[in-house]
Every structure is written in C-alpha cells, then in structure tokens.
C-alpha cells in the first residue's frame, strides 16, 4: 500500500498536475501525499509488510543535505528559510521512496511510475514540436523564457513579429510553439514544465528511465527445478506399458518459437518508448541528453550481447550525434558560457576557503546569474569541499548497492535480479548527465537514489545475508577521486585560457 502512495507522490512532484488543472490549484497535494505515505509506511511496518532497512546511501544523503542547510545558514542566513524548505522536500521524497518502496512489488511499482512519467513528458514534448509557432507572453523579468508562457493567439515566425501591435505594450513577447498541458518550447527546443522546464533536464530524466522500461519488459526468471537425489536430472514419467510419451507438436513450435514470439511482443512497447525518447532528445537539441541516451543504451546492449551489443550501439550513435544537440553560434556561446561558469565556481571555492557560498546561492554570486551547469562543482562551490565529498559518497553508495546485488551471490527474487542492473545503468547515466547539469539537489535524481535504497531493502527482505557497506578505504578513494577531478578541471580551464 505504501509503495503505490509514494509512487503517486513521485508522479505529483514530476508531472505537477496542480499547475495545469485549475480544480487542483492551491491544494497541497504533495504535502498530503507525503503525509499519507508516512501513515502507510507505519501501517505496513506494523502489519509486517515492510521491514525497514537502512541503506548505506541514506546516511550520506542526509548528511549532505544537512551540511548544505548549515552552510546556507552560515553564509546566507536570509535565504535559509527558502532553501531549507527545498532541501527538506528533497530529503522527504528521498526517504519516502527509500522506505515505502522497499519491497519487490514496491520497486516494480516505482519503476512503472518513473517510466510512465517519462512517457507522458516525452509525449507532451513531441506534440509541442509539431505545433505552429505563436506569440507568447512571458513574465516581465523572464527574458530567457524559462518560466511559464501565455499564448495570445497571434501566429509568428520570429520574436519581432510578436512586437508588432502587441496587446500588452512593452510586453515580454516570444515566438514559441505551444504544447499540451500549458507547456511551450524555449528557443524552439521542446521541454515540459516545472522542474523539467529545461530541455536538458527533461532529456536526462527520460534517458534515465530507459533501463527501467527494459527491465519491466524482461521475462521473470523461472525457478530451477529441484534436482533428484545424487544430482541426477529428473525424467518425465513413462507412459503405461513402458511406451514413451511423444509431444503433440515439435519442440521448435511449442517452446522455442512461441517463447521468441512472446519476447518480441513484449519488446514492442519498450522499443516504441526508446524510439520516442530518442526522438524527443533530438527535438530538444540537448547535447548532454544525446550522451546519456547513447550511454544507457550502450551499457544495456553490452549487458545483453557483449561485443555484438557494442557494435549495435555504434550503429545508433552516429545518427544521434549528427541529429541531436545544437550547432553553430548557439553551441559556441553555450560552451563558452559553461566554461565561464566553471571558472566562477573555482573562484567561489577559493574565496570561501572551501566552505562554500550556501545552497542555491551560485546564481546570485555568478556574474552571469546562472547555476554551475556541473553538479560536482556546484556541490563544491555551494557546500564546500566537505559537501562535495558527501555528495560523491551518496552517488558511490547508490551505485554500489545495485552492482553488489547484481553481481553478488545473494539468493534474491526475480524483481531484484531484473531491477538491480537496470538501476545501476540508470544511475550511470545520471552520473554522466549531471556533469553538465545542476542536479545536486534535484528531486528526480534523489528519486533514483531512493530507488537504489529501496532495492537494498527489498533484497535484504529476501536474503538477510546481503550487506553493502562503504569502508574507510572506499571513502578515502572517493574523496581523493573528487579532488583529482577538481585538479584536472582547473588545469583544463587554465589550458583553455
């Protein structure tokens, strides 16, 4: 029961129906769903449907978010209330997912929810791409059009067309494509709304859901038949009179052919989802989205077919790289902007002597008014070197859990066996994608981290021998690796001038 309630909570956070359904406006749906989740978790524990288990990443995640709140209180006390509420919301969603979905059914329900949200947002974005351009009014101070846009019904081809005889004099008009659910494009790039209003963030979220969609389509593993005494393989009973039983149809038709046909039918919806997400990534013109899309598909193909899977990924890669992403002056300006933001991140680290400027304060400290566009440097510049190490340990522990369950010798059920590699590949895509995005406190990222913690609880419920810990040696290696990344980035920036 708690699993489906927390799935509803995740869907509310991602899709934000209260923003486009007038009847839901003003209703605290997220708070109500969170409270109901706590109640259902308590009931499931009492009824022994759930067995609370503390995954290794939970401690590091709470420590990181608490340290982020402390740095904000030290460096920018006036922003503590706003940022503290944001951090508390992220922590609440993470803990709710980690404990409420900690069962085989819970992990599967969470995967269905995340894939479903990816399908909805992808469909909305694709419909956007085929709508005609129209004049849209943005907020007076939203010159980049990142917020909500209101269409006024006038067709257009450029922004200048919208400034001719506008209904609102001196209004902040843009020429964009309107979409379903009150969405719109930004500079012609498809997107969703709310926390996924950035095309790059939408592409990353959808790409992370691909391994989960594949895992949902995989056939459940069959339990092995018990061996006969002495290790002999049990034989089928003989027919009366000693005659051998003959199958009504050849095995080729009854077993192998039907099995392959069923597998092909199960794969069709997943292939459609993967193709739709690929089309959306191309329409979003997100370079980081293309990289993540190819990474998760490549890892999945290699897991399935080894060298043959790597060859298949090579056939998909060039068309995606050719069609996806931005080019020309727009791409050059974006790259130069990112380089300047990285320089400013290092300057903030030096100026605060490694303590950080406070959670969510990078944009105020930056001369460009933007975030770092790199989660690792964002954590270092806002929460200091200690916060960077804690953030890295959260990611490391979250990846170690599914990898240990996948490659270990634990006796777990079909759900854990299917979703362990899927969550691992999804997190690998996330670690790659957040190198280009500011996702240090992103709710979608912490849902996936919570899915890893939930998988740990589900596996522990089936095999109590499972134990994943992060040793002091691993802590030292992870922190040393992060400092090495900082040094390499600093050297690279100096080389670029």
Foldseek 3Di string as FASTA:
>chain_A
DLLVLLLVLVLCQLQVLLVQDVVNPPPPPNVVSLVVSVVVLVVCVVVVVFDDDDFALLVLLVVLLVLLLVLCCVQPVVCSVVSVVLSVSLNSSLVSLLGSLQALVSLLSNLVSLLVSLLVFLVQQVQQLPAAKFKWFDPLPPLQPLAQTHGPPHGDDFQVVCQPPHPDHPTNIGTWGATPSRAIAGVQATWHHDPTSQLLSSLLSSLLSLLSLVLSLDDFDDDDDDADPPRHRDDDDADPPRHHDDDPDDCVPPPVVVVVVSSVVSCVVSVVSLVSSLVNQLRNLHPLSLVLNLQLQLVVLCVVPNPVSNVVSVVVNPVSNVRHHDDDPVVVVVVVVLLLLLVVLVVLCVVVVFQANHPPCSLVSDPVSDANQAQLSNQCRHGGLVSSLSLLVSLVSLLVQLVCQQPDPADAGRSSNSCSVSLNSSSVSVNSSNRRGRCSSPSSNSSSSSSSSSSNSNSCVVGVVDDDHQDPVNSVVSSVVSVVVVVVSVVVSVVVD
